[in-house]
Amino acid sequence: MSSPDPLSPRLPSPLHEVRDGRFERRGLRLLLKRDDLIHPQLIGNKWRKLVPNIAAAEGRALVTFGGAYSNHLRATAAAGRLLGLPTTGVVRGQELADRPLNPSLARCAADGMRLHFVDRSTYRRKTDPETLAGILRAAGAQDAYVVPEGGSNAEAVRGCRALGTELRGLADVVAVACGTGGTLAGLAAGLSAGQRALGVPVLKGGFLEADVEALQERAFGARSGTWSLDDRFHCGGYARTTPELEAFAQDFEQLHGLPVERLYVAKLLFGLVALAEGNAFARGTAIAAVVTGRPFPEPAAAAPER
């Protein structure tokens, strides 16, 4: 008898409606698409983006990129441990090499990932072929399969299209927090006519629309689906939070029994509440918020799944 697949997912992920007066007072419905329950270690959109890349790697070692708090690095390291694949993480910030590992990078190392730190200037140029080749040589990963930062490439975008397919006809607007844009690119392509996808960037800069469009062109040959971005809710940039966001997340956790991941999910939900209160949605609109992750480190006593 063959052994079970260690990456076996729970699909489709659950979709739950929650009662929230901030939406109900305006005639809106809020649903949570619980992608955080797909897999215990490859959580949410990380499973959807990584698995197609692992298939494309055909058993080769994996090398990928991220910052010191990257969810993507942790997911890649976990996948490598589960599958017995060597992994290398190229980490932004040479200065971190001589410091104790933070909990996120420590988890990567515990899962067997080799960490290679590069200076921020080199990291910014990592997509340049010559710079990338130099990074891979220095990391001893010349023969590894390269997964881009955030896992967003054509394979990942095609994998995320299933997220939209799972939500066809179940919501008018599907909203997702965006880092590199791959999830939004695939999600929008999978939705049906009459539905639209809304991306809430967690980085500032206003560059993401061109990136999402480029990802769709590489994956599908053209811009696909109806989608837009609202970049007002990044709270200062990636890994930045504010006291207001923290208070909001704690309140949402208490109201709905859902541990709220702060870097992505909290900003998405905070943005949706602000948009609802600003009458950005017509009465009768059903809004599905994609829960792409869980807090890290996870609370000692996590709330029950709902």
C-alpha atoms as a PDB file:
ATOM      1  CA  MET A   1       0.000   0.000   0.000  1.00  0.00           C
ATOM      2  CA  SER A   2       1.390   3.398  -0.976  1.00  0.00           C
ATOM      3  CA  SER A   3       2.126   5.920   1.751  1.00  0.00           C
ATOM      4  CA  PRO A   4      -0.206   8.913   2.067  1.00  0.00           C
ATOM      5  CA  ASP A   5       0.697  12.124   0.276  1.00  0.00           C
ATOM      6  CA  PRO A   6       2.226  14.471   2.918  1.00  0.00           C
ATOM      7  CA  LEU A   7       0.924  17.460   0.952  1.00  0.00           C
ATOM      8  CA  SER A   8      -2.649  16.158   0.732  1.00  0.00           C
ATOM      9  CA  PRO A   9      -4.953  19.192   1.058  1.00  0.00           C
ATOM     10  CA  ARG A  10      -8.415  19.875   2.413  1.00  0.00           C
ATOM     11  CA  LEU A  11     -10.124  21.126  -0.725  1.00  0.00           C
ATOM     12  CA  PRO A  12     -12.259  22.938  -1.405  1.00  0.00           C
ATOM     13  CA  SER A  13     -11.468  24.984   1.666  1.00  0.00           C
ATOM     14  CA  PRO A  14     -14.463  25.808   3.877  1.00  0.00           C
ATOM     15  CA  LEU A  15     -16.587  28.896   3.258  1.00  0.00           C
ATOM     16  CA  HIS A  16     -18.403  30.287   6.304  1.00  0.00           C
ATOM     17  CA  GLU A  17     -20.705  33.272   6.663  1.00  0.00           C
ATOM     18  CA  VAL A  18     -20.122  35.375   9.770  1.00  0.00           C
ATOM     19  CA  ARG A  19     -22.528  37.796  11.445  1.00  0.00           C
ATOM     20  CA  ASP A  20     -20.911  41.197  11.760  1.00  0.00           C
ATOM     21  CA  GLY A  21     -22.980  44.299  12.419  1.00  0.00           C
ATOM     22  CA  ARG A  22     -20.583  46.552  10.539  1.00  0.00           C
ATOM     23  CA  PHE A  23     -21.590  44.740   7.362  1.00  0.00           C
ATOM     24  CA  GLU A  24     -25.175  43.794   8.207  1.00  0.00           C
ATOM     25  CA  ARG A  25     -26.157  47.418   8.956  1.00  0.00           C
ATOM     26  CA  ARG A  26     -25.313  48.238   5.355  1.00  0.00           C
ATOM     27  CA  GLY A  27     -27.104  45.255   3.857  1.00  0.00           C
ATOM     28  CA  LEU A  28     -23.873  43.335   3.194  1.00  0.00           C
ATOM     29  CA  ARG A  29     -22.923  39.715   3.824  1.00  0.00           C
ATOM     30  CA  LEU A  30     -19.413  38.733   4.947  1.00  0.00           C
ATOM     31  CA  LEU A  31     -18.106  35.257   4.217  1.00  0.00           C
ATOM     32  CA  LEU A  32     -14.698  33.857   5.175  1.00  0.00           C
ATOM     33  CA  LYS A  33     -12.947  31.547   2.721  1.00  0.00           C
ATOM     34  CA  ARG A  34     -10.838  29.489   5.120  1.00  0.00           C
ATOM     35  CA  ASP A  35      -7.783  28.750   3.041  1.00  0.00           C
ATOM     36  CA  ASP A  36      -5.864  28.689   6.324  1.00  0.00           C
ATOM     37  CA  LEU A  37      -7.365  25.210   6.833  1.00  0.00           C
ATOM     38  CA  ILE A  38      -6.083  23.667   3.572  1.00  0.00           C
ATOM     39  CA  HIS A  39      -2.991  22.094   5.139  1.00  0.00           C
ATOM     40  CA  PRO A  40      -1.552  22.310   8.658  1.00  0.00           C
ATOM     41  CA  GLN A  41       1.910  23.402   7.480  1.00  0.00           C
ATOM     42  CA  LEU A  42       1.501  24.699   3.913  1.00  0.00           C
ATOM     43  CA  ILE A  43      -1.139  27.190   4.879  1.00  0.00           C
ATOM     44  CA  GLY A  44      -3.575  28.888   2.545  1.00  0.00           C
ATOM     45  CA  ASN A  45      -2.309  30.364  -0.677  1.00  0.00           C
ATOM     46  CA  LYS A  46       1.146  28.939   0.066  1.00  0.00           C
ATOM     47  CA  TRP A  47      -0.163  25.438  -0.702  1.00  0.00           C
ATOM     48  CA  ARG A  48      -1.886  26.653  -3.867  1.00  0.00           C
ATOM     49  CA  LYS A  49       1.283  28.369  -5.112  1.00  0.00           C
ATOM     50  CA  LEU A  50       3.964  25.946  -3.942  1.00  0.00           C
ATOM     51  CA  VAL A  51       2.534  22.615  -5.038  1.00  0.00           C
ATOM     52  CA  PRO A  52       2.565  23.459  -8.782  1.00  0.00           C
ATOM     53  CA  ASN A  53       6.167  24.628  -8.420  1.00  0.00           C
ATOM     54  CA  ILE A  54       7.170  21.457  -6.575  1.00  0.00           C
ATOM     55  CA  ALA A  55       5.675  19.440  -9.423  1.00  0.00           C
ATOM     56  CA  ALA A  56       7.643  21.514 -11.937  1.00  0.00           C
ATOM     57  CA  ALA A  57      10.849  20.958  -9.938  1.00  0.00           C
ATOM     58  CA  GLU A  58      10.601  17.203 -10.587  1.00  0.00           C
ATOM     59  CA  GLY A  59      12.478  16.228  -7.439  1.00  0.00           C
ATOM     60  CA  ARG A  60      15.181  18.890  -7.614  1.00  0.00           C
ATOM     61  CA  ALA A  61      16.213  20.934  -4.602  1.00  0.00           C
ATOM     62  CA  LEU A  62      14.333  24.197  -4.122  1.00  0.00           C
ATOM     63  CA  VAL A  63      15.754  27.686  -3.668  1.00  0.00           C
ATOM     64  CA  THR A  64      13.600  30.691  -2.932  1.00  0.00           C
ATOM     65  CA  PHE A  65      13.663  34.212  -1.534  1.00  0.00           C
ATOM     66  CA  GLY A  66      12.126  36.233   1.272  1.00  0.00           C
ATOM     67  CA  GLY A  67      12.525  38.638   4.148  1.00  0.00           C
ATOM     68  CA  ALA A  68      13.174  37.774   7.752  1.00  0.00           C
ATOM     69  CA  TYR A  69       9.471  37.229   8.492  1.00  0.00           C
ATOM     70  CA  SER A  70       8.490  35.566   5.228  1.00  0.00           C
ATOM     71  CA  ASN A  71       5.554  33.156   5.394  1.00  0.00           C
ATOM     72  CA  HIS A  72       6.696  31.861   2.017  1.00  0.00           C
ATOM     73  CA  LEU A  73      10.131  30.848   3.331  1.00  0.00           C
ATOM     74  CA  ARG A  74       8.515  28.924   6.195  1.00  0.00           C
ATOM     75  CA  ALA A  75       6.115  27.143   3.847  1.00  0.00           C
ATOM     76  CA  THR A  76       8.910  26.179   1.457  1.00  0.00           C
ATOM     77  CA  ALA A  77      11.014  24.844   4.316  1.00  0.00           C
ATOM     78  CA  ALA A  78       8.063  22.812   5.606  1.00  0.00           C
ATOM     79  CA  ALA A  79       7.402  21.385   2.146  1.00  0.00           C
ATOM     80  CA  GLY A  80      11.044  20.372   1.846  1.00  0.00           C
ATOM     81  CA  ARG A  81      10.932  18.588   5.186  1.00  0.00           C
ATOM     82  CA  LEU A  82       7.688  16.792   4.350  1.00  0.00           C
ATOM     83  CA  LEU A  83       8.949  15.646   0.944  1.00  0.00           C
ATOM     84  CA  GLY A  84      12.614  15.108   1.775  1.00  0.00           C
ATOM     85  CA  LEU A  85      13.722  17.859  -0.634  1.00  0.00           C
ATOM     86  CA  PRO A  86      16.710  20.092   0.145  1.00  0.00           C
ATOM     87  CA  THR A  87      15.742  23.754   0.410  1.00  0.00           C
ATOM     88  CA  THR A  88      17.715  26.991   0.448  1.00  0.00           C
ATOM     89  CA  GLY A  89      16.276  30.319   1.520  1.00  0.00           C
ATOM     90  CA  VAL A  90      17.917  33.509   0.266  1.00  0.00           C
ATOM     91  CA  VAL A  91      17.155  36.074   2.961  1.00  0.00           C
ATOM     92  CA  ARG A  92      17.086  39.834   2.440  1.00  0.00           C
ATOM     93  CA  GLY A  93      19.554  41.590   4.785  1.00  0.00           C
ATOM     94  CA  GLN A  94      23.217  40.606   5.128  1.00  0.00           C
ATOM     95  CA  GLU A  95      23.240  42.222   8.566  1.00  0.00           C
ATOM     96  CA  LEU A  96      20.980  39.421   9.834  1.00  0.00           C
ATOM     97  CA  ALA A  97      23.658  36.787   9.305  1.00  0.00           C
ATOM     98  CA  ASP A  98      25.421  37.634  12.576  1.00  0.00           C
ATOM     99  CA  ARG A  99      22.281  37.967  14.678  1.00  0.00           C
ATOM    100  CA  PRO A 100      20.255  35.285  16.464  1.00  0.00           C
ATOM    101  CA  LEU A 101      17.531  33.912  14.200  1.00  0.00           C
ATOM    102  CA  ASN A 102      14.068  35.292  14.785  1.00  0.00           C
ATOM    103  CA  PRO A 103      11.274  32.726  15.359  1.00  0.00           C
ATOM    104  CA  SER A 104      10.320  32.666  11.673  1.00  0.00           C
ATOM    105  CA  LEU A 105      13.844  31.983  10.387  1.00  0.00           C
ATOM    106  CA  ALA A 106      14.470  29.593  13.274  1.00  0.00           C
ATOM    107  CA  ARG A 107      11.483  27.548  12.104  1.00  0.00           C
ATOM    108  CA  CYS A 108      12.926  27.497   8.573  1.00  0.00           C
ATOM    109  CA  ALA A 109      16.260  26.242   9.887  1.00  0.00           C
ATOM    110  CA  ALA A 110      14.567  23.638  12.096  1.00  0.00           C
ATOM    111  CA  ASP A 111      12.807  22.312   8.995  1.00  0.00           C
ATOM    112  CA  GLY A 112      16.157  21.849   7.279  1.00  0.00           C
ATOM    113  CA  MET A 113      16.354  24.979   5.142  1.00  0.00           C
ATOM    114  CA  ARG A 114      19.837  26.381   4.534  1.00  0.00           C
ATOM    115  CA  LEU A 115      19.717  30.153   4.977  1.00  0.00           C
ATOM    116  CA  HIS A 116      21.844  32.384   2.767  1.00  0.00           C
ATOM    117  CA  PHE A 117      21.832  36.088   3.615  1.00  0.00           C
ATOM    118  CA  VAL A 118      22.444  38.760   0.974  1.00  0.00           C
ATOM    119  CA  ASP A 119      22.721  42.521   1.195  1.00  0.00           C
ATOM    120  CA  ARG A 120      19.631  44.508   0.343  1.00  0.00           C
ATOM    121  CA  SER A 121      21.058  46.051  -2.811  1.00  0.00           C
ATOM    122  CA  THR A 122      21.857  42.629  -4.270  1.00  0.00           C
ATOM    123  CA  TYR A 123      18.463  41.321  -3.148  1.00  0.00           C
ATOM    124  CA  ARG A 124      16.677  44.079  -5.075  1.00  0.00           C
ATOM    125  CA  ARG A 125      18.477  42.940  -8.251  1.00  0.00           C
ATOM    126  CA  LYS A 126      17.783  39.236  -7.740  1.00  0.00           C
ATOM    127  CA  THR A 127      15.688  38.898 -10.910  1.00  0.00           C
ATOM    128  CA  ASP A 128      18.583  40.106 -13.067  1.00  0.00           C
ATOM    129  CA  PRO A 129      20.013  36.916 -14.651  1.00  0.00           C
ATOM    130  CA  GLU A 130      23.642  37.728 -13.848  1.00  0.00           C
ATOM    131  CA  THR A 131      22.865  38.721 -10.258  1.00  0.00           C
ATOM    132  CA  LEU A 132      20.689  35.630  -9.776  1.00  0.00           C
ATOM    133  CA  ALA A 133      23.462  33.373 -11.080  1.00  0.00           C
ATOM    134  CA  GLY A 134      25.891  34.934  -8.606  1.00  0.00           C
ATOM    135  CA  ILE A 135      23.484  34.443  -5.714  1.00  0.00           C
ATOM    136  CA  LEU A 136      22.926  30.796  -6.638  1.00  0.00           C
ATOM    137  CA  ARG A 137      26.676  30.153  -6.888  1.00  0.00           C
ATOM    138  CA  ALA A 138      27.312  31.782  -3.515  1.00  0.00           C
ATOM    139  CA  ALA A 139      24.493  29.757  -1.975  1.00  0.00           C
ATOM    140  CA  GLY A 140      25.658  26.478  -3.532  1.00  0.00           C
ATOM    141  CA  ALA A 141      22.306  26.142  -5.256  1.00  0.00           C
ATOM    142  CA  GLN A 142      23.237  26.325  -8.940  1.00  0.00           C
ATOM    143  CA  ASP A 143      21.255  23.181  -9.784  1.00  0.00           C
ATOM    144  CA  ALA A 144      18.201  23.968  -7.679  1.00  0.00           C
ATOM    145  CA  TYR A 145      14.756  24.857  -9.000  1.00  0.00           C
ATOM    146  CA  VAL A 146      14.167  28.569  -8.400  1.00  0.00           C
ATOM    147  CA  VAL A 147      10.860  29.569  -6.822  1.00  0.00           C
ATOM    148  CA  PRO A 148      10.489  33.383  -6.913  1.00  0.00           C
ATOM    149  CA  GLU A 149       9.850  35.570  -3.883  1.00  0.00           C
ATOM    150  CA  GLY A 150       6.352  34.942  -2.566  1.00  0.00           C
ATOM    151  CA  GLY A 151       6.066  31.919  -4.853  1.00  0.00           C
ATOM    152  CA  SER A 152       4.425  34.007  -7.584  1.00  0.00           C
ATOM    153  CA  ASN A 153       5.083  32.805 -11.119  1.00  0.00           C
ATOM    154  CA  ALA A 154       3.001  31.379 -13.958  1.00  0.00           C
ATOM    155  CA  GLU A 155       2.761  27.943 -12.300  1.00  0.00           C
ATOM    156  CA  ALA A 156       1.568  29.477  -9.045  1.00  0.00           C
ATOM    157  CA  VAL A 157      -0.963  31.719 -10.771  1.00  0.00           C
ATOM    158  CA  ARG A 158      -2.475  28.773 -12.607  1.00  0.00           C
ATOM    159  CA  GLY A 159      -2.620  26.912  -9.284  1.00  0.00           C
ATOM    160  CA  CYS A 160      -4.481  29.805  -7.641  1.00  0.00           C
ATOM    161  CA  ARG A 161      -7.087  29.837 -10.384  1.00  0.00           C
ATOM    162  CA  ALA A 162      -8.782  26.964  -8.508  1.00  0.00           C
ATOM    163  CA  LEU A 163      -9.448  29.364  -5.625  1.00  0.00           C
ATOM    164  CA  GLY A 164     -11.639  31.431  -7.916  1.00  0.00           C
ATOM    165  CA  THR A 165     -13.276  28.333  -9.336  1.00  0.00           C
ATOM    166  CA  GLU A 166     -14.240  27.205  -5.819  1.00  0.00           C
ATOM    167  CA  LEU A 167     -15.993  30.541  -5.259  1.00  0.00           C
ATOM    168  CA  ARG A 168     -17.950  30.766  -8.505  1.00  0.00           C
ATOM    169  CA  GLY A 169     -21.480  31.956  -7.817  1.00  0.00           C
ATOM    170  CA  LEU A 170     -20.927  32.173  -4.058  1.00  0.00           C
ATOM    171  CA  ALA A 171     -19.983  35.842  -3.645  1.00  0.00           C
ATOM    172  CA  ASP A 172     -20.162  39.068  -5.614  1.00  0.00           C
ATOM    173  CA  VAL A 173     -16.769  40.342  -4.467  1.00  0.00           C
ATOM    174  CA  VAL A 174     -13.839  38.154  -3.444  1.00  0.00           C
ATOM    175  CA  ALA A 175     -11.139  40.013  -1.523  1.00  0.00           C
ATOM    176  CA  VAL A 176      -7.595  38.894  -0.775  1.00  0.00           C
ATOM    177  CA  ALA A 177      -4.521  40.484   0.783  1.00  0.00           C
ATOM    178  CA  CYS A 178      -1.644  40.810  -1.692  1.00  0.00           C
ATOM    179  CA  GLY A 179       2.116  40.594  -1.325  1.00  0.00           C
ATOM    180  CA  THR A 180       3.529  39.671  -4.727  1.00  0.00           C
ATOM    181  CA  GLY A 181       0.135  39.422  -6.454  1.00  0.00           C
ATOM    182  CA  GLY A 182       0.117  35.801  -7.589  1.00  0.00           C
ATOM    183  CA  THR A 183      -2.952  34.782  -5.603  1.00  0.00           C
ATOM    184  CA  LEU A 184      -5.007  37.699  -6.912  1.00  0.00           C
ATOM    185  CA  ALA A 185      -3.871  36.986 -10.480  1.00  0.00           C
ATOM    186  CA  GLY A 186      -5.071  33.381 -10.322  1.00  0.00           C
ATOM    187  CA  LEU A 187      -8.163  34.035  -8.216  1.00  0.00           C
ATOM    188  CA  ALA A 188      -9.515  36.642 -10.626  1.00  0.00           C
ATOM    189  CA  ALA A 189      -9.046  34.301 -13.585  1.00  0.00           C
ATOM    190  CA  GLY A 190     -11.069  31.566 -11.877  1.00  0.00           C
ATOM    191  CA  LEU A 191     -14.125  33.640 -11.003  1.00  0.00           C
ATOM    192  CA  SER A 192     -17.182  33.696 -13.214  1.00  0.00           C
ATOM    193  CA  ALA A 193     -18.581  36.636 -15.153  1.00  0.00           C
ATOM    194  CA  GLY A 194     -20.293  39.098 -12.831  1.00  0.00           C
ATOM    195  CA  GLN A 195     -17.908  38.448  -9.952  1.00  0.00           C
ATOM    196  CA  ARG A 196     -14.936  40.649  -9.199  1.00  0.00           C
ATOM    197  CA  ALA A 197     -11.743  40.244  -7.208  1.00  0.00           C
ATOM    198  CA  LEU A 198     -10.390  42.930  -4.897  1.00  0.00           C
ATOM    199  CA  GLY A 199      -6.748  42.950  -3.844  1.00  0.00           C
ATOM    200  CA  VAL A 200      -5.549  44.714  -0.690  1.00  0.00           C
ATOM    201  CA  PRO A 201      -1.755  45.220  -0.957  1.00  0.00           C
ATOM    202  CA  VAL A 202       0.243  44.873   2.257  1.00  0.00           C
ATOM    203  CA  LEU A 203       3.240  46.678   0.755  1.00  0.00           C
ATOM    204  CA  LYS A 204       3.274  50.321  -0.170  1.00  0.00           C
ATOM    205  CA  GLY A 205       4.520  51.595  -3.507  1.00  0.00           C
ATOM    206  CA  GLY A 206       1.655  51.303  -5.959  1.00  0.00           C
ATOM    207  CA  PHE A 207       3.549  48.898  -8.225  1.00  0.00           C
ATOM    208  CA  LEU A 208       1.349  45.849  -7.875  1.00  0.00           C
ATOM    209  CA  GLU A 209      -1.144  46.425 -10.685  1.00  0.00           C
ATOM    210  CA  ALA A 210       1.560  46.078 -13.338  1.00  0.00           C
ATOM    211  CA  ASP A 211       2.925  42.984 -11.573  1.00  0.00           C
ATOM    212  CA  VAL A 212      -0.469  41.261 -11.414  1.00  0.00           C
ATOM    213  CA  GLU A 213      -1.134  42.023 -15.060  1.00  0.00           C
ATOM    214  CA  ALA A 214       2.288  40.664 -16.038  1.00  0.00           C
ATOM    215  CA  LEU A 215       1.673  37.482 -14.041  1.00  0.00           C
ATOM    216  CA  GLN A 216      -1.659  36.938 -15.802  1.00  0.00           C
ATOM    217  CA  GLU A 217      -0.068  37.501 -19.189  1.00  0.00           C
ATOM    218  CA  ARG A 218       2.597  34.877 -18.431  1.00  0.00           C
ATOM    219  CA  ALA A 219       0.045  32.405 -17.062  1.00  0.00           C
ATOM    220  CA  PHE A 220      -2.896  32.943 -19.406  1.00  0.00           C
ATOM    221  CA  GLY A 221      -1.631  35.090 -22.265  1.00  0.00           C
ATOM    222  CA  ALA A 222      -3.669  38.168 -21.345  1.00  0.00           C
ATOM    223  CA  ARG A 223      -5.298  40.047 -18.470  1.00  0.00           C
ATOM    224  CA  SER A 224      -8.042  37.816 -17.112  1.00  0.00           C
ATOM    225  CA  GLY A 225     -11.135  38.394 -14.990  1.00  0.00           C
ATOM    226  CA  THR A 226     -12.381  41.544 -13.318  1.00  0.00           C
ATOM    227  CA  TRP A 227     -10.066  42.760 -10.578  1.00  0.00           C
ATOM    228  CA  SER A 228      -8.809  45.908  -8.873  1.00  0.00           C
ATOM    229  CA  LEU A 229      -6.503  46.968  -6.054  1.00  0.00           C
ATOM    230  CA  ASP A 230      -7.003  49.279  -3.088  1.00  0.00           C
ATOM    231  CA  ASP A 231      -3.647  50.222  -1.597  1.00  0.00           C
ATOM    232  CA  ARG A 232      -4.855  52.347   1.326  1.00  0.00           C
ATOM    233  CA  PHE A 233      -4.595  49.670   4.014  1.00  0.00           C
ATOM    234  CA  HIS A 234      -0.915  48.604   4.135  1.00  0.00           C
ATOM    235  CA  CYS A 235      -0.429  50.407   7.495  1.00  0.00           C
ATOM    236  CA  GLY A 236       3.001  51.658   6.499  1.00  0.00           C
ATOM    237  CA  GLY A 237       4.284  48.679   4.534  1.00  0.00           C
ATOM    238  CA  TYR A 238       5.152  45.010   4.842  1.00  0.00           C
ATOM    239  CA  ALA A 239       5.475  43.704   8.403  1.00  0.00           C
ATOM    240  CA  ARG A 240       4.253  47.098   9.669  1.00  0.00           C
ATOM    241  CA  THR A 241       1.269  47.348  11.958  1.00  0.00           C
ATOM    242  CA  THR A 242      -0.370  50.125  13.940  1.00  0.00           C
ATOM    243  CA  PRO A 243      -2.088  50.219  17.342  1.00  0.00           C
ATOM    244  CA  GLU A 244      -5.379  50.713  15.483  1.00  0.00           C
ATOM    245  CA  LEU A 245      -4.808  47.585  13.398  1.00  0.00           C
ATOM    246  CA  GLU A 246      -3.833  45.573  16.469  1.00  0.00           C
ATOM    247  CA  ALA A 247      -6.957  46.679  18.340  1.00  0.00           C
ATOM    248  CA  PHE A 248      -9.087  45.841  15.309  1.00  0.00           C
ATOM    249  CA  ALA A 249      -7.554  42.354  14.998  1.00  0.00           C
ATOM    250  CA  GLN A 250      -8.062  41.585  18.674  1.00  0.00           C
ATOM    251  CA  ASP A 251     -11.689  42.705  18.462  1.00  0.00           C
ATOM    252  CA  PHE A 252     -12.311  40.592  15.351  1.00  0.00           C
ATOM    253  CA  GLU A 253     -10.791  37.564  17.077  1.00  0.00           C
ATOM    254  CA  GLN A 254     -13.109  37.998  20.059  1.00  0.00           C
ATOM    255  CA  LEU A 255     -16.179  38.560  17.892  1.00  0.00           C
ATOM    256  CA  HIS A 256     -15.673  35.621  15.562  1.00  0.00           C
ATOM    257  CA  GLY A 257     -13.328  33.148  17.286  1.00  0.00           C
ATOM    258  CA  LEU A 258     -10.806  33.377  14.436  1.00  0.00           C
ATOM    259  CA  PRO A 259      -7.082  33.841  15.127  1.00  0.00           C
ATOM    260  CA  VAL A 260      -6.196  36.775  12.845  1.00  0.00           C
ATOM    261  CA  GLU A 261      -2.794  36.798  11.143  1.00  0.00           C
ATOM    262  CA  ARG A 262      -1.501  40.364  11.374  1.00  0.00           C
ATOM    263  CA  LEU A 263       0.672  40.955   8.283  1.00  0.00           C
ATOM    264  CA  TYR A 264      -1.927  40.005   5.663  1.00  0.00           C
ATOM    265  CA  VAL A 265      -5.325  38.933   6.979  1.00  0.00           C
ATOM    266  CA  ALA A 266      -5.765  41.737   9.525  1.00  0.00           C
ATOM    267  CA  LYS A 267      -5.083  44.375   6.871  1.00  0.00           C
ATOM    268  CA  LEU A 268      -7.565  42.725   4.510  1.00  0.00           C
ATOM    269  CA  LEU A 269     -10.350  42.605   7.098  1.00  0.00           C
ATOM    270  CA  PHE A 270      -9.566  46.113   8.351  1.00  0.00           C
ATOM    271  CA  GLY A 271      -9.796  47.383   4.778  1.00  0.00           C
ATOM    272  CA  LEU A 272     -13.092  45.627   4.133  1.00  0.00           C
ATOM    273  CA  VAL A 273     -14.662  47.113   7.256  1.00  0.00           C
ATOM    274  CA  ALA A 274     -13.468  50.584   6.243  1.00  0.00           C
ATOM    275  CA  LEU A 275     -14.852  50.126   2.730  1.00  0.00           C
ATOM    276  CA  ALA A 276     -18.165  48.839   4.076  1.00  0.00           C
ATOM    277  CA  GLU A 277     -18.489  51.774   6.449  1.00  0.00           C
ATOM    278  CA  GLY A 278     -17.649  54.098   3.567  1.00  0.00           C
ATOM    279  CA  ASN A 279     -20.496  52.636   1.479  1.00  0.00           C
ATOM    280  CA  ALA A 280     -18.110  51.266  -1.148  1.00  0.00           C
ATOM    281  CA  PHE A 281     -20.348  48.236  -1.709  1.00  0.00           C
ATOM    282  CA  ALA A 282     -23.965  48.270  -2.904  1.00  0.00           C
ATOM    283  CA  ARG A 283     -26.578  46.876  -0.546  1.00  0.00           C
ATOM    284  CA  GLY A 284     -27.073  43.166  -1.101  1.00  0.00           C
ATOM    285  CA  THR A 285     -23.405  42.551  -1.936  1.00  0.00           C
ATOM    286  CA  ALA A 286     -21.903  39.283  -0.677  1.00  0.00           C
ATOM    287  CA  ILE A 287     -18.209  39.701   0.116  1.00  0.00           C
ATOM    288  CA  ALA A 288     -15.890  36.731   0.549  1.00  0.00           C
ATOM    289  CA  ALA A 289     -12.620  37.443   2.358  1.00  0.00           C
ATOM    290  CA  VAL A 290      -9.876  34.878   1.709  1.00  0.00           C
ATOM    291  CA  VAL A 291      -8.139  33.924   4.967  1.00  0.00           C
ATOM    292  CA  THR A 292      -4.691  33.116   3.606  1.00  0.00           C
ATOM    293  CA  GLY A 293      -2.833  32.423   6.832  1.00  0.00           C
ATOM    294  CA  ARG A 294      -2.729  31.982  10.591  1.00  0.00           C
ATOM    295  CA  PRO A 295      -0.740  33.902  13.215  1.00  0.00           C
ATOM    296  CA  PHE A 296       2.894  32.886  13.692  1.00  0.00           C
ATOM    297  CA  PRO A 297       3.859  31.730  16.209  1.00  0.00           C
ATOM    298  CA  GLU A 298       0.388  30.320  16.707  1.00  0.00           C
ATOM    299  CA  PRO A 299      -1.415  31.027  19.989  1.00  0.00           C
ATOM    300  CA  ALA A 300      -0.976  28.330  22.624  1.00  0.00           C
ATOM    301  CA  ALA A 301      -4.715  27.746  22.703  1.00  0.00           C
ATOM    302  CA  ALA A 302      -6.019  28.396  19.220  1.00  0.00           C
ATOM    303  CA  ALA A 303      -9.690  29.104  18.720  1.00  0.00           C
ATOM    304  CA  PRO A 304     -11.734  26.161  17.488  1.00  0.00           C
ATOM    305  CA  GLU A 305     -12.290  25.811  13.753  1.00  0.00           C
ATOM    306  CA  ARG A 306     -15.637  27.230  12.717  1.00  0.00           C
END
